[in-house]
Amino acid sequence: MMTELLLDLLLVVSLLLTALCALLAQDLFRAVVMFMAFGLLMALAWVRLQAPDIALAEAALGAGLTGVLLLDAVSHFRQSDSGAGSGESS
């Protein structure tokens, strides 16, 4: 019983810290990675709440698909940002 309470407390603190790191990150890549870590921790929280169907959806969509799409957007943003600095016109 005590170990479950400690695990839940650790999970809540980890969720809060990763959310704060994602919000305060200066680098977009780091923010996206923190968002993906938050999604995986949130999936674990849903498992602890005995909702495995929501946990699977959170892991697949929240951490997986959305994270990959955001990483792709960051890479496109960096490419267009570096092209604008070299004097090229779009």
N, C-alpha and C. Protein backbone atom coordinates (compact mmCIF):
# COMPACT_ATOMS: atom_id res chain seq x y z
N MET A 1 0.83 -1.19 0.00
CA MET A 1 0.00 0.00 0.00
C MET A 1 0.87 1.26 0.00
N MET A 2 1.90 1.26 0.82
CA MET A 2 2.77 2.43 0.91
C MET A 2 3.58 2.61 -0.37
N THR A 3 3.99 1.49 -0.99
CA THR A 3 4.77 1.61 -2.22
C THR A 3 3.91 2.13 -3.37
N GLU A 4 2.64 1.76 -3.40
CA GLU A 4 1.73 2.28 -4.42
C GLU A 4 1.53 3.79 -4.26
N LEU A 5 1.42 4.23 -3.03
CA LEU A 5 1.27 5.66 -2.77
C LEU A 5 2.54 6.42 -3.19
N LEU A 6 3.69 5.87 -2.91
CA LEU A 6 4.94 6.50 -3.31
C LEU A 6 5.08 6.52 -4.83
N LEU A 7 4.68 5.44 -5.49
CA LEU A 7 4.71 5.40 -6.95
C LEU A 7 3.78 6.45 -7.55
N ASP A 8 2.59 6.58 -7.00
CA ASP A 8 1.65 7.59 -7.49
C ASP A 8 2.18 9.00 -7.25
N LEU A 9 2.77 9.24 -6.09
CA LEU A 9 3.34 10.55 -5.80
C LEU A 9 4.49 10.87 -6.75
N LEU A 10 5.35 9.88 -7.01
CA LEU A 10 6.46 10.07 -7.94
C LEU A 10 5.94 10.35 -9.35
N LEU A 11 4.87 9.67 -9.73
CA LEU A 11 4.27 9.88 -11.05
C LEU A 11 3.70 11.29 -11.18
N VAL A 12 3.03 11.77 -10.16
CA VAL A 12 2.46 13.12 -10.18
C VAL A 12 3.56 14.17 -10.26
N VAL A 13 4.61 14.00 -9.46
CA VAL A 13 5.72 14.96 -9.49
C VAL A 13 6.41 14.92 -10.85
N SER A 14 6.59 13.73 -11.41
CA SER A 14 7.22 13.62 -12.73
C SER A 14 6.37 14.28 -13.81
N LEU A 15 5.05 14.11 -13.74
CA LEU A 15 4.16 14.76 -14.70
C LEU A 15 4.25 16.28 -14.60
N LEU A 16 4.25 16.78 -13.38
CA LEU A 16 4.34 18.23 -13.21
C LEU A 16 5.68 18.78 -13.70
N LEU A 17 6.76 18.07 -13.41
CA LEU A 17 8.08 18.54 -13.84
C LEU A 17 8.24 18.50 -15.35
N THR A 18 7.78 17.43 -15.99
CA THR A 18 7.91 17.37 -17.45
C THR A 18 7.02 18.40 -18.13
N ALA A 19 5.84 18.64 -17.58
CA ALA A 19 4.97 19.68 -18.14
C ALA A 19 5.62 21.06 -18.00
N LEU A 20 6.20 21.33 -16.85
CA LEU A 20 6.88 22.60 -16.64
C LEU A 20 8.09 22.75 -17.56
N CYS A 21 8.86 21.67 -17.71
CA CYS A 21 10.02 21.72 -18.61
C CYS A 21 9.59 21.93 -20.06
N ALA A 22 8.49 21.31 -20.46
CA ALA A 22 8.01 21.50 -21.83
C ALA A 22 7.55 22.94 -22.06
N LEU A 23 6.92 23.52 -21.06
CA LEU A 23 6.43 24.89 -21.21
C LEU A 23 7.55 25.93 -21.19
N LEU A 24 8.58 25.67 -20.40
CA LEU A 24 9.64 26.66 -20.21
C LEU A 24 10.87 26.42 -21.09
N ALA A 25 10.84 25.40 -21.93
CA ALA A 25 12.01 25.09 -22.76
C ALA A 25 12.24 26.20 -23.77
N GLN A 26 13.50 26.60 -23.90
CA GLN A 26 13.88 27.63 -24.87
C GLN A 26 14.02 27.04 -26.27
N ASP A 27 14.46 25.79 -26.36
CA ASP A 27 14.66 25.11 -27.63
C ASP A 27 13.40 24.34 -28.00
N LEU A 28 12.96 24.47 -29.25
CA LEU A 28 11.75 23.77 -29.69
C LEU A 28 11.91 22.26 -29.65
N PHE A 29 13.08 21.77 -30.03
CA PHE A 29 13.31 20.32 -30.02
C PHE A 29 13.16 19.78 -28.60
N ARG A 30 13.74 20.46 -27.64
CA ARG A 30 13.64 20.03 -26.24
C ARG A 30 12.20 20.07 -25.76
N ALA A 31 11.46 21.08 -26.17
CA ALA A 31 10.05 21.18 -25.77
C ALA A 31 9.24 20.01 -26.32
N VAL A 32 9.51 19.63 -27.56
CA VAL A 32 8.79 18.50 -28.16
C VAL A 32 9.15 17.19 -27.47
N VAL A 33 10.43 17.01 -27.16
CA VAL A 33 10.84 15.79 -26.46
C VAL A 33 10.19 15.72 -25.07
N MET A 34 10.12 16.85 -24.39
CA MET A 34 9.46 16.88 -23.08
C MET A 34 7.96 16.60 -23.22
N PHE A 35 7.36 17.10 -24.30
CA PHE A 35 5.95 16.81 -24.56
C PHE A 35 5.73 15.31 -24.77
N MET A 36 6.65 14.68 -25.50
CA MET A 36 6.52 13.24 -25.73
C MET A 36 6.72 12.47 -24.42
N ALA A 37 7.67 12.90 -23.61
CA ALA A 37 7.87 12.26 -22.31
C ALA A 37 6.64 12.43 -21.42
N PHE A 38 6.04 13.61 -21.49
CA PHE A 38 4.81 13.85 -20.73
C PHE A 38 3.70 12.90 -21.19
N GLY A 39 3.59 12.69 -22.50
CA GLY A 39 2.57 11.78 -23.02
C GLY A 39 2.77 10.35 -22.53
N LEU A 40 4.02 9.91 -22.48
CA LEU A 40 4.30 8.56 -21.98
C LEU A 40 4.00 8.44 -20.49
N LEU A 41 4.37 9.46 -19.73
CA LEU A 41 4.04 9.45 -18.29
C LEU A 41 2.54 9.52 -18.07
N MET A 42 1.84 10.27 -18.93
CA MET A 42 0.38 10.34 -18.81
C MET A 42 -0.26 8.99 -19.12
N ALA A 43 0.31 8.27 -20.08
CA ALA A 43 -0.19 6.92 -20.37
C ALA A 43 0.00 6.01 -19.16
N LEU A 44 1.14 6.15 -18.48
CA LEU A 44 1.36 5.37 -17.27
C LEU A 44 0.36 5.76 -16.17
N ALA A 45 0.03 7.04 -16.09
CA ALA A 45 -0.97 7.47 -15.11
C ALA A 45 -2.33 6.85 -15.42
N TRP A 46 -2.69 6.77 -16.70
CA TRP A 46 -3.97 6.14 -17.06
C TRP A 46 -3.96 4.65 -16.71
N VAL A 47 -2.81 4.01 -16.84
CA VAL A 47 -2.73 2.60 -16.44
C VAL A 47 -2.95 2.47 -14.94
N ARG A 48 -2.33 3.40 -14.17
CA ARG A 48 -2.51 3.36 -12.71
C ARG A 48 -3.97 3.62 -12.33
N LEU A 49 -4.69 4.38 -13.16
CA LEU A 49 -6.10 4.64 -12.91
C LEU A 49 -7.00 3.54 -13.47
N GLN A 50 -6.40 2.46 -13.93
CA GLN A 50 -7.09 1.28 -14.46
C GLN A 50 -7.94 1.62 -15.69
N ALA A 51 -7.34 2.39 -16.60
CA ALA A 51 -7.99 2.73 -17.86
C ALA A 51 -7.01 2.41 -19.00
N PRO A 52 -6.81 1.12 -19.29
CA PRO A 52 -5.80 0.74 -20.28
C PRO A 52 -6.14 1.18 -21.70
N ASP A 53 -7.42 1.30 -22.03
CA ASP A 53 -7.79 1.75 -23.37
C ASP A 53 -7.38 3.21 -23.59
N ILE A 54 -7.59 4.04 -22.59
CA ILE A 54 -7.17 5.44 -22.70
C ILE A 54 -5.66 5.54 -22.68
N ALA A 55 -5.01 4.66 -21.93
CA ALA A 55 -3.54 4.66 -21.88
C ALA A 55 -2.94 4.32 -23.24
N LEU A 56 -3.53 3.36 -23.92
CA LEU A 56 -3.04 3.02 -25.26
C LEU A 56 -3.25 4.16 -26.24
N ALA A 57 -4.40 4.80 -26.15
CA ALA A 57 -4.66 5.94 -27.04
C ALA A 57 -3.70 7.09 -26.74
N GLU A 58 -3.44 7.35 -25.48
CA GLU A 58 -2.51 8.42 -25.09
C GLU A 58 -1.10 8.11 -25.57
N ALA A 59 -0.67 6.88 -25.43
CA ALA A 59 0.68 6.52 -25.87
C ALA A 59 0.80 6.61 -27.39
N ALA A 60 -0.21 6.13 -28.09
CA ALA A 60 -0.14 6.12 -29.55
C ALA A 60 -0.31 7.52 -30.14
N LEU A 61 -1.27 8.27 -29.65
CA LEU A 61 -1.55 9.58 -30.21
C LEU A 61 -0.76 10.69 -29.53
N GLY A 62 -0.82 10.73 -28.21
CA GLY A 62 -0.18 11.81 -27.47
C GLY A 62 1.32 11.82 -27.58
N ALA A 63 1.94 10.67 -27.34
CA ALA A 63 3.40 10.61 -27.38
C ALA A 63 3.92 10.21 -28.75
N GLY A 64 3.21 9.33 -29.43
CA GLY A 64 3.71 8.80 -30.69
C GLY A 64 3.45 9.69 -31.88
N LEU A 65 2.24 9.68 -32.37
CA LEU A 65 1.91 10.37 -33.62
C LEU A 65 2.10 11.89 -33.51
N THR A 66 1.56 12.49 -32.46
CA THR A 66 1.69 13.93 -32.31
C THR A 66 3.15 14.34 -32.14
N GLY A 67 3.91 13.54 -31.39
CA GLY A 67 5.32 13.85 -31.20
C GLY A 67 6.10 13.80 -32.49
N VAL A 68 5.83 12.80 -33.31
CA VAL A 68 6.52 12.69 -34.60
C VAL A 68 6.15 13.86 -35.51
N LEU A 69 4.87 14.22 -35.54
CA LEU A 69 4.45 15.37 -36.36
C LEU A 69 5.08 16.67 -35.88
N LEU A 70 5.17 16.85 -34.58
CA LEU A 70 5.80 18.06 -34.05
C LEU A 70 7.30 18.08 -34.35
N LEU A 71 7.97 16.94 -34.25
CA LEU A 71 9.39 16.88 -34.59
C LEU A 71 9.61 17.22 -36.07
N ASP A 72 8.72 16.74 -36.91
CA ASP A 72 8.81 17.07 -38.34
C ASP A 72 8.61 18.57 -38.56
N ALA A 73 7.65 19.15 -37.85
CA ALA A 73 7.41 20.59 -37.97
C ALA A 73 8.62 21.39 -37.49
N VAL A 74 9.26 20.95 -36.41
CA VAL A 74 10.45 21.64 -35.91
C VAL A 74 11.58 21.55 -36.94
N SER A 75 11.74 20.40 -37.58
CA SER A 75 12.80 20.28 -38.58
C SER A 75 12.53 21.18 -39.78
N HIS A 76 11.27 21.28 -40.21
CA HIS A 76 10.93 22.20 -41.31
C HIS A 76 11.13 23.65 -40.89
N PHE A 77 10.81 23.95 -39.65
CA PHE A 77 10.99 25.31 -39.15
C PHE A 77 12.48 25.67 -39.13
N ARG A 78 13.31 24.74 -38.70
CA ARG A 78 14.75 24.99 -38.66
C ARG A 78 15.32 25.15 -40.07
N GLN A 79 14.83 24.36 -41.03
CA GLN A 79 15.31 24.47 -42.40
C GLN A 79 14.92 25.82 -42.99
N SER A 80 13.70 26.26 -42.79
CA SER A 80 13.27 27.54 -43.34
C SER A 80 13.95 28.69 -42.61
N ASP A 81 14.24 28.51 -41.33
CA ASP A 81 14.92 29.54 -40.56
C ASP A 81 16.37 29.70 -41.02
N SER A 82 17.04 28.59 -41.32
CA SER A 82 18.43 28.67 -41.79
C SER A 82 18.49 29.20 -43.22
N GLY A 83 17.50 28.94 -44.04
CA GLY A 83 17.45 29.46 -45.41
C GLY A 83 17.22 30.95 -45.43
N ALA A 84 16.45 31.45 -44.47
CA ALA A 84 16.18 32.89 -44.43
C ALA A 84 17.41 33.66 -43.97
N GLY A 85 18.25 33.02 -43.16
CA GLY A 85 19.46 33.69 -42.68
C GLY A 85 20.54 33.80 -43.73
N SER A 86 20.51 32.97 -44.76
CA SER A 86 21.55 33.01 -45.77
C SER A 86 21.22 33.93 -46.94
N GLY A 87 20.11 34.61 -46.88
CA GLY A 87 19.76 35.57 -47.92
C GLY A 87 18.92 35.00 -49.03
N GLU A 88 18.46 33.75 -48.92
CA GLU A 88 17.62 33.16 -49.96
C GLU A 88 16.20 33.68 -49.80
N SER A 89 15.51 33.83 -50.90
CA SER A 89 14.11 34.22 -50.83
C SER A 89 13.24 33.00 -51.10
N SER A 90 12.11 32.92 -50.39
CA SER A 90 11.22 31.76 -50.54
C SER A 90 10.18 32.00 -51.58
